[in-house]
Amino acid sequence: MSNKYRINKLCPVCGKQFLAKKDCKTRNQVYCSIKCYGKTLKGKKATGKQLECLKLGRVGFPSPFKGETRDKVFCEKISQGKKGVPFSDKHKDSLSKAKKGKPIKHFVDNKEEISRKLSEALKGKPQPNLRGDKHWNWQGGKTSVNAKGRNSLKIKIWKRAVMERDDFTCQMCGLRGGRLQAHHIKAFADHEELRADINNGVTLCVSCHSIVHGRPVGDRQAKNI
């Protein structure tokens, strides 16, 4: 229904009747919505003024949220809206150029503290993302099956458990601390089922371990006997 400030009009695109502001020198509302107006521009060349605006982008039109603190709910909505949407190659390239040669000040100023916290957080925790062909120093899997078994996380945990049970003391010479090793009572190679059995392990110093295996004991090792 028309009134003093508005007038009934018919949209030439969708044929919908809408209430528009009355025409004046600076305004002449022809279409019911921006969507219908956009349809009329399809296939037409942009005017010089439109091209200029496209080049400027958001210059002169600052974000309405600038200077305001966004609450948690608002930030979560933005995050959910952008989740799963990959950056375009152009966007990635722009980000790369903008960051190149500009280290993040927070990490530079607090390098030691951040390194210490990361080390403590990851200590003793397996990192599958750095194992096998995912590791930066992967060399095509040339490590033998035997070496893989001896260096596995399972065996490292077993060694620790054996030494803690024996109070970090050599069970042959009584030396406490120093260079200690966990020895398999029944051979590692012959008894696969007993490799991680704590009852199949005993703590020995390097010298005593060499004697058990019949290896020659060096001068440095002999001092421990």
C-alpha atoms as a PDB file:
ATOM      1  CA  MET A   1       0.000   0.000   0.000  1.00  0.00           C
ATOM      2  CA  SER A   2       1.448   3.368  -1.058  1.00  0.00           C
ATOM      3  CA  ASN A   3       2.076   6.119   1.494  1.00  0.00           C
ATOM      4  CA  LYS A   4       3.735   9.530   1.684  1.00  0.00           C
ATOM      5  CA  TYR A   5       7.301   8.102   1.425  1.00  0.00           C
ATOM      6  CA  ARG A   6       6.840   4.836  -0.493  1.00  0.00           C
ATOM      7  CA  ILE A   7       5.169   3.775  -3.701  1.00  0.00           C
ATOM      8  CA  ASN A   8       4.072   0.439  -5.135  1.00  0.00           C
ATOM      9  CA  LYS A   9       6.195  -0.753  -8.062  1.00  0.00           C
ATOM     10  CA  LEU A  10       6.487  -3.869 -10.217  1.00  0.00           C
ATOM     11  CA  CYS A  11       9.918  -5.479 -10.561  1.00  0.00           C
ATOM     12  CA  PRO A  12      10.731  -5.849 -14.308  1.00  0.00           C
ATOM     13  CA  VAL A  13      12.815  -8.989 -13.652  1.00  0.00           C
ATOM     14  CA  CYS A  14      10.714 -11.236 -11.394  1.00  0.00           C
ATOM     15  CA  GLY A  15       7.357  -9.468 -11.775  1.00  0.00           C
ATOM     16  CA  LYS A  16       6.990  -9.146  -8.017  1.00  0.00           C
ATOM     17  CA  GLN A  17       5.178  -6.112  -6.587  1.00  0.00           C
ATOM     18  CA  PHE A  18       7.222  -4.287  -3.956  1.00  0.00           C
ATOM     19  CA  LEU A  19       7.095  -1.091  -1.909  1.00  0.00           C
ATOM     20  CA  ALA A  20       9.860   1.257  -3.073  1.00  0.00           C
ATOM     21  CA  LYS A  21      11.053   4.615  -1.854  1.00  0.00           C
ATOM     22  CA  LYS A  22       9.673   7.447  -3.947  1.00  0.00           C
ATOM     23  CA  ASP A  23      11.940   8.566  -6.765  1.00  0.00           C
ATOM     24  CA  CYS A  24      14.127  11.597  -6.238  1.00  0.00           C
ATOM     25  CA  LYS A  25      17.188  13.168  -7.863  1.00  0.00           C
ATOM     26  CA  THR A  26      19.601  10.671  -6.294  1.00  0.00           C
ATOM     27  CA  ARG A  27      17.446   7.544  -6.111  1.00  0.00           C
ATOM     28  CA  ASN A  28      15.343   5.603  -8.549  1.00  0.00           C
ATOM     29  CA  GLN A  29      14.536   2.124  -7.214  1.00  0.00           C
ATOM     30  CA  VAL A  30      13.566  -0.049 -10.149  1.00  0.00           C
ATOM     31  CA  TYR A  31      14.206  -3.593  -8.870  1.00  0.00           C
ATOM     32  CA  CYS A  32      12.823  -5.361  -5.794  1.00  0.00           C
ATOM     33  CA  SER A  33      16.223  -6.698  -4.652  1.00  0.00           C
ATOM     34  CA  ILE A  34      19.951  -6.667  -5.365  1.00  0.00           C
ATOM     35  CA  LYS A  35      19.556 -10.192  -6.746  1.00  0.00           C
ATOM     36  CA  CYS A  36      17.235  -9.019  -9.496  1.00  0.00           C
ATOM     37  CA  TYR A  37      19.507  -6.056 -10.221  1.00  0.00           C
ATOM     38  CA  GLY A  38      22.443  -8.464 -10.549  1.00  0.00           C
ATOM     39  CA  LYS A  39      20.567 -10.513 -13.153  1.00  0.00           C
ATOM     40  CA  THR A  40      20.216  -7.454 -15.384  1.00  0.00           C
ATOM     41  CA  LEU A  41      24.002  -6.945 -15.359  1.00  0.00           C
ATOM     42  CA  LYS A  42      24.786 -10.487 -16.457  1.00  0.00           C
ATOM     43  CA  GLY A  43      26.644 -10.510 -19.770  1.00  0.00           C
ATOM     44  CA  LYS A  44      27.105  -6.726 -19.811  1.00  0.00           C
ATOM     45  CA  LYS A  45      30.483  -4.999 -19.737  1.00  0.00           C
ATOM     46  CA  ALA A  46      31.348  -3.219 -16.511  1.00  0.00           C
ATOM     47  CA  THR A  47      31.420   0.572 -16.617  1.00  0.00           C
ATOM     48  CA  GLY A  48      34.594   2.545 -15.906  1.00  0.00           C
ATOM     49  CA  LYS A  49      33.338   3.416 -12.436  1.00  0.00           C
ATOM     50  CA  GLN A  50      32.539  -0.244 -11.654  1.00  0.00           C
ATOM     51  CA  LEU A  51      36.000  -1.358 -12.807  1.00  0.00           C
ATOM     52  CA  GLU A  52      37.602   1.291 -10.605  1.00  0.00           C
ATOM     53  CA  CYS A  53      35.625   0.061  -7.605  1.00  0.00           C
ATOM     54  CA  LEU A  54      36.635  -3.557  -8.316  1.00  0.00           C
ATOM     55  CA  LYS A  55      40.325  -2.563  -8.409  1.00  0.00           C
ATOM     56  CA  LEU A  56      40.054  -0.706  -5.111  1.00  0.00           C
ATOM     57  CA  GLY A  57      38.310  -3.632  -3.435  1.00  0.00           C
ATOM     58  CA  ARG A  58      37.569  -2.774   0.204  1.00  0.00           C
ATOM     59  CA  VAL A  59      39.672   0.398   0.230  1.00  0.00           C
ATOM     60  CA  GLY A  60      37.578   3.095   1.830  1.00  0.00           C
ATOM     61  CA  PHE A  61      35.145   0.520   3.202  1.00  0.00           C
ATOM     62  CA  PRO A  62      36.652  -0.703   6.502  1.00  0.00           C
ATOM     63  CA  SER A  63      35.344  -3.800   8.243  1.00  0.00           C
ATOM     64  CA  PRO A  64      32.305  -3.036  10.443  1.00  0.00           C
ATOM     65  CA  PHE A  65      33.981  -5.126  13.198  1.00  0.00           C
ATOM     66  CA  LYS A  66      37.237  -3.146  13.253  1.00  0.00           C
ATOM     67  CA  GLY A  67      38.210  -2.207  16.820  1.00  0.00           C
ATOM     68  CA  GLU A  68      35.505  -4.424  18.334  1.00  0.00           C
ATOM     69  CA  THR A  69      36.194  -7.512  20.446  1.00  0.00           C
ATOM     70  CA  ARG A  70      34.532 -10.559  18.916  1.00  0.00           C
ATOM     71  CA  ASP A  71      33.030 -12.992  21.392  1.00  0.00           C
ATOM     72  CA  LYS A  72      33.700 -16.749  21.389  1.00  0.00           C
ATOM     73  CA  VAL A  73      30.347 -17.668  19.789  1.00  0.00           C
ATOM     74  CA  PHE A  74      30.910 -15.239  16.908  1.00  0.00           C
ATOM     75  CA  CYS A  75      34.435 -16.614  16.261  1.00  0.00           C
ATOM     76  CA  GLU A  76      33.170 -20.218  16.370  1.00  0.00           C
ATOM     77  CA  LYS A  77      30.527 -19.409  13.739  1.00  0.00           C
ATOM     78  CA  ILE A  78      33.174 -17.933  11.434  1.00  0.00           C
ATOM     79  CA  SER A  79      35.397 -20.978  12.011  1.00  0.00           C
ATOM     80  CA  GLN A  80      32.576 -23.434  11.230  1.00  0.00           C
ATOM     81  CA  GLY A  81      31.645 -21.492   8.102  1.00  0.00           C
ATOM     82  CA  LYS A  82      35.211 -21.706   6.738  1.00  0.00           C
ATOM     83  CA  LYS A  83      35.915 -25.290   7.849  1.00  0.00           C
ATOM     84  CA  GLY A  84      36.718 -27.592   4.952  1.00  0.00           C
ATOM     85  CA  VAL A  85      36.972 -24.753   2.441  1.00  0.00           C
ATOM     86  CA  PRO A  86      40.498 -24.920   0.948  1.00  0.00           C
ATOM     87  CA  PHE A  87      42.438 -21.763   0.112  1.00  0.00           C
ATOM     88  CA  SER A  88      42.804 -21.017  -3.580  1.00  0.00           C
ATOM     89  CA  ASP A  89      46.300 -21.169  -5.114  1.00  0.00           C
ATOM     90  CA  LYS A  90      46.218 -17.391  -5.506  1.00  0.00           C
ATOM     91  CA  HIS A  91      45.345 -16.953  -1.807  1.00  0.00           C
ATOM     92  CA  LYS A  92      48.148 -19.345  -0.756  1.00  0.00           C
ATOM     93  CA  ASP A  93      50.636 -17.486  -2.948  1.00  0.00           C
ATOM     94  CA  SER A  94      49.595 -14.137  -1.457  1.00  0.00           C
ATOM     95  CA  LEU A  95      49.960 -15.458   2.108  1.00  0.00           C
ATOM     96  CA  SER A  96      53.380 -16.903   1.291  1.00  0.00           C
ATOM     97  CA  LYS A  97      54.641 -13.618  -0.173  1.00  0.00           C
ATOM     98  CA  ALA A  98      53.271 -11.611   2.756  1.00  0.00           C
ATOM     99  CA  LYS A  99      54.998 -13.845   5.362  1.00  0.00           C
ATOM    100  CA  LYS A 100      58.293 -14.379   3.515  1.00  0.00           C
ATOM    101  CA  GLY A 101      61.259 -12.922   5.365  1.00  0.00           C
ATOM    102  CA  LYS A 102      59.052 -11.830   8.281  1.00  0.00           C
ATOM    103  CA  PRO A 103      59.452 -14.238  11.227  1.00  0.00           C
ATOM    104  CA  ILE A 104      56.639 -14.235  13.776  1.00  0.00           C
ATOM    105  CA  LYS A 105      57.832 -11.926  16.566  1.00  0.00           C
ATOM    106  CA  HIS A 106      56.283 -14.030  19.349  1.00  0.00           C
ATOM    107  CA  PHE A 107      58.285 -17.134  18.343  1.00  0.00           C
ATOM    108  CA  VAL A 108      61.527 -15.202  17.878  1.00  0.00           C
ATOM    109  CA  ASP A 109      61.293 -13.486  21.275  1.00  0.00           C
ATOM    110  CA  ASN A 110      60.276 -16.646  23.165  1.00  0.00           C
ATOM    111  CA  LYS A 111      62.164 -19.313  21.208  1.00  0.00           C
ATOM    112  CA  GLU A 112      63.792 -21.017  24.213  1.00  0.00           C
ATOM    113  CA  GLU A 113      60.596 -21.079  26.290  1.00  0.00           C
ATOM    114  CA  ILE A 114      58.525 -22.463  23.398  1.00  0.00           C
ATOM    115  CA  SER A 115      61.165 -25.137  22.620  1.00  0.00           C
ATOM    116  CA  ARG A 116      61.217 -26.213  26.288  1.00  0.00           C
ATOM    117  CA  LYS A 117      57.422 -26.473  26.490  1.00  0.00           C
ATOM    118  CA  LEU A 118      57.242 -28.488  23.238  1.00  0.00           C
ATOM    119  CA  SER A 119      59.960 -30.834  24.484  1.00  0.00           C
ATOM    120  CA  GLU A 120      58.131 -31.443  27.793  1.00  0.00           C
ATOM    121  CA  ALA A 121      54.777 -31.939  26.071  1.00  0.00           C
ATOM    122  CA  LEU A 122      56.151 -34.550  23.624  1.00  0.00           C
ATOM    123  CA  LYS A 123      58.495 -36.358  26.019  1.00  0.00           C
ATOM    124  CA  GLY A 124      57.801 -40.102  26.120  1.00  0.00           C
ATOM    125  CA  LYS A 125      54.889 -39.836  23.671  1.00  0.00           C
ATOM    126  CA  PRO A 126      54.981 -41.782  20.386  1.00  0.00           C
ATOM    127  CA  GLN A 127      54.784 -39.607  17.288  1.00  0.00           C
ATOM    128  CA  PRO A 128      53.380 -41.718  14.400  1.00  0.00           C
ATOM    129  CA  ASN A 129      53.500 -38.673  12.112  1.00  0.00           C
ATOM    130  CA  LEU A 130      57.333 -38.818  12.307  1.00  0.00           C
ATOM    131  CA  ARG A 131      57.746 -42.564  11.801  1.00  0.00           C
ATOM    132  CA  GLY A 132      58.595 -44.551   8.687  1.00  0.00           C
ATOM    133  CA  ASP A 133      58.243 -42.802   5.350  1.00  0.00           C
ATOM    134  CA  LYS A 134      56.714 -39.778   7.123  1.00  0.00           C
ATOM    135  CA  HIS A 135      60.076 -38.886   8.726  1.00  0.00           C
ATOM    136  CA  TRP A 136      62.220 -36.235   7.030  1.00  0.00           C
ATOM    137  CA  ASN A 137      65.257 -38.574   7.029  1.00  0.00           C
ATOM    138  CA  TRP A 138      63.477 -41.618   5.569  1.00  0.00           C
ATOM    139  CA  GLN A 139      65.885 -43.570   3.337  1.00  0.00           C
ATOM    140  CA  GLY A 140      63.652 -46.148   1.709  1.00  0.00           C
ATOM    141  CA  GLY A 141      63.353 -48.671   4.549  1.00  0.00           C
ATOM    142  CA  LYS A 142      66.949 -50.020   4.582  1.00  0.00           C
ATOM    143  CA  THR A 143      66.886 -50.792   8.353  1.00  0.00           C
ATOM    144  CA  SER A 144      66.886 -54.537   9.049  1.00  0.00           C
ATOM    145  CA  VAL A 145      63.941 -56.277  10.736  1.00  0.00           C
ATOM    146  CA  ASN A 146      66.167 -57.117  13.742  1.00  0.00           C
ATOM    147  CA  ALA A 147      67.260 -53.480  14.188  1.00  0.00           C
ATOM    148  CA  LYS A 148      63.645 -52.297  13.901  1.00  0.00           C
ATOM    149  CA  GLY A 149      62.657 -54.682  16.690  1.00  0.00           C
ATOM    150  CA  ARG A 150      65.514 -53.617  18.985  1.00  0.00           C
ATOM    151  CA  ASN A 151      64.783 -49.900  18.465  1.00  0.00           C
ATOM    152  CA  SER A 152      61.004 -50.169  18.733  1.00  0.00           C
ATOM    153  CA  LEU A 153      59.030 -48.259  21.351  1.00  0.00           C
ATOM    154  CA  LYS A 154      57.936 -51.556  22.909  1.00  0.00           C
ATOM    155  CA  ILE A 155      61.562 -52.581  23.642  1.00  0.00           C
ATOM    156  CA  LYS A 156      62.470 -49.093  24.907  1.00  0.00           C
ATOM    157  CA  ILE A 157      59.633 -49.331  27.441  1.00  0.00           C
ATOM    158  CA  TRP A 158      60.828 -52.865  28.378  1.00  0.00           C
ATOM    159  CA  LYS A 159      64.406 -51.637  28.991  1.00  0.00           C
ATOM    160  CA  ARG A 160      63.182 -48.869  31.240  1.00  0.00           C
ATOM    161  CA  ALA A 161      60.960 -51.257  33.204  1.00  0.00           C
ATOM    162  CA  VAL A 162      63.831 -53.747  33.732  1.00  0.00           C
ATOM    163  CA  MET A 163      66.218 -51.042  34.997  1.00  0.00           C
ATOM    164  CA  GLU A 164      63.610 -49.542  37.336  1.00  0.00           C
ATOM    165  CA  ARG A 165      62.883 -52.999  38.794  1.00  0.00           C
ATOM    166  CA  ASP A 166      66.647 -53.560  39.402  1.00  0.00           C
ATOM    167  CA  ASP A 167      67.023 -50.041  40.879  1.00  0.00           C
ATOM    168  CA  PHE A 168      69.478 -49.104  38.093  1.00  0.00           C
ATOM    169  CA  THR A 169      72.048 -51.521  39.527  1.00  0.00           C
ATOM    170  CA  CYS A 170      74.179 -54.090  37.659  1.00  0.00           C
ATOM    171  CA  GLN A 171      73.076 -57.537  38.843  1.00  0.00           C
ATOM    172  CA  MET A 172      76.566 -59.015  38.380  1.00  0.00           C
ATOM    173  CA  CYS A 173      79.017 -56.509  39.886  1.00  0.00           C
ATOM    174  CA  GLY A 174      76.633 -54.331  41.937  1.00  0.00           C
ATOM    175  CA  LEU A 175      77.553 -51.068  40.160  1.00  0.00           C
ATOM    176  CA  ARG A 176      74.741 -48.542  40.509  1.00  0.00           C
ATOM    177  CA  GLY A 177      74.182 -45.972  37.786  1.00  0.00           C
ATOM    178  CA  GLY A 178      76.636 -45.199  35.005  1.00  0.00           C
ATOM    179  CA  ARG A 179      76.475 -46.992  31.654  1.00  0.00           C
ATOM    180  CA  LEU A 180      73.804 -49.645  32.146  1.00  0.00           C
ATOM    181  CA  GLN A 181      72.120 -51.948  29.619  1.00  0.00           C
ATOM    182  CA  ALA A 182      69.130 -54.294  29.732  1.00  0.00           C
ATOM    183  CA  HIS A 183      70.148 -57.856  28.798  1.00  0.00           C
ATOM    184  CA  HIS A 184      67.776 -60.552  27.446  1.00  0.00           C
ATOM    185  CA  ILE A 185      68.289 -63.741  29.501  1.00  0.00           C
ATOM    186  CA  LYS A 186      66.860 -65.820  26.640  1.00  0.00           C
ATOM    187  CA  ALA A 187      68.202 -64.526  23.328  1.00  0.00           C
ATOM    188  CA  PHE A 188      66.316 -61.712  21.596  1.00  0.00           C
ATOM    189  CA  ALA A 189      66.695 -63.396  18.183  1.00  0.00           C
ATOM    190  CA  ASP A 190      65.532 -66.881  19.265  1.00  0.00           C
ATOM    191  CA  HIS A 191      62.591 -66.044  21.543  1.00  0.00           C
ATOM    192  CA  GLU A 192      60.372 -63.474  19.882  1.00  0.00           C
ATOM    193  CA  GLU A 193      57.520 -64.081  22.333  1.00  0.00           C
ATOM    194  CA  LEU A 194      59.751 -63.169  25.318  1.00  0.00           C
ATOM    195  CA  ARG A 195      61.293 -59.992  23.896  1.00  0.00           C
ATOM    196  CA  ALA A 196      59.098 -57.625  25.916  1.00  0.00           C
ATOM    197  CA  ASP A 197      58.724 -59.907  28.981  1.00  0.00           C
ATOM    198  CA  ILE A 198      60.199 -58.103  32.008  1.00  0.00           C
ATOM    199  CA  ASN A 199      61.046 -61.496  33.607  1.00  0.00           C
ATOM    200  CA  ASN A 200      63.328 -62.217  30.641  1.00  0.00           C
ATOM    201  CA  GLY A 201      65.479 -59.159  31.360  1.00  0.00           C
ATOM    202  CA  VAL A 202      68.292 -58.231  33.741  1.00  0.00           C
ATOM    203  CA  THR A 203      70.249 -55.005  34.254  1.00  0.00           C
ATOM    204  CA  LEU A 204      73.991 -55.179  33.500  1.00  0.00           C
ATOM    205  CA  CYS A 205      76.753 -52.603  33.170  1.00  0.00           C
ATOM    206  CA  VAL A 206      78.533 -52.363  29.805  1.00  0.00           C
ATOM    207  CA  SER A 207      81.529 -54.415  31.032  1.00  0.00           C
ATOM    208  CA  CYS A 208      79.453 -57.271  32.494  1.00  0.00           C
ATOM    209  CA  HIS A 209      77.234 -57.299  29.408  1.00  0.00           C
ATOM    210  CA  SER A 210      80.333 -57.783  27.216  1.00  0.00           C
ATOM    211  CA  ILE A 211      81.531 -60.663  29.450  1.00  0.00           C
ATOM    212  CA  VAL A 212      78.126 -62.391  29.234  1.00  0.00           C
ATOM    213  CA  HIS A 213      78.242 -62.261  25.422  1.00  0.00           C
ATOM    214  CA  GLY A 214      81.898 -63.299  25.308  1.00  0.00           C
ATOM    215  CA  ARG A 215      83.077 -60.006  23.849  1.00  0.00           C
ATOM    216  CA  PRO A 216      86.474 -58.492  24.758  1.00  0.00           C
ATOM    217  CA  VAL A 217      86.358 -55.871  27.515  1.00  0.00           C
ATOM    218  CA  GLY A 218      88.168 -52.601  26.687  1.00  0.00           C
ATOM    219  CA  ASP A 219      90.260 -50.538  29.108  1.00  0.00           C
ATOM    220  CA  ARG A 220      87.401 -48.130  29.815  1.00  0.00           C
ATOM    221  CA  GLN A 221      85.005 -51.008  30.410  1.00  0.00           C
ATOM    222  CA  ALA A 222      87.476 -52.847  32.664  1.00  0.00           C
ATOM    223  CA  LYS A 223      87.422 -49.919  35.129  1.00  0.00           C
ATOM    224  CA  ASN A 224      83.751 -50.721  35.840  1.00  0.00           C
ATOM    225  CA  ILE A 225      84.441 -54.307  36.922  1.00  0.00           C
END
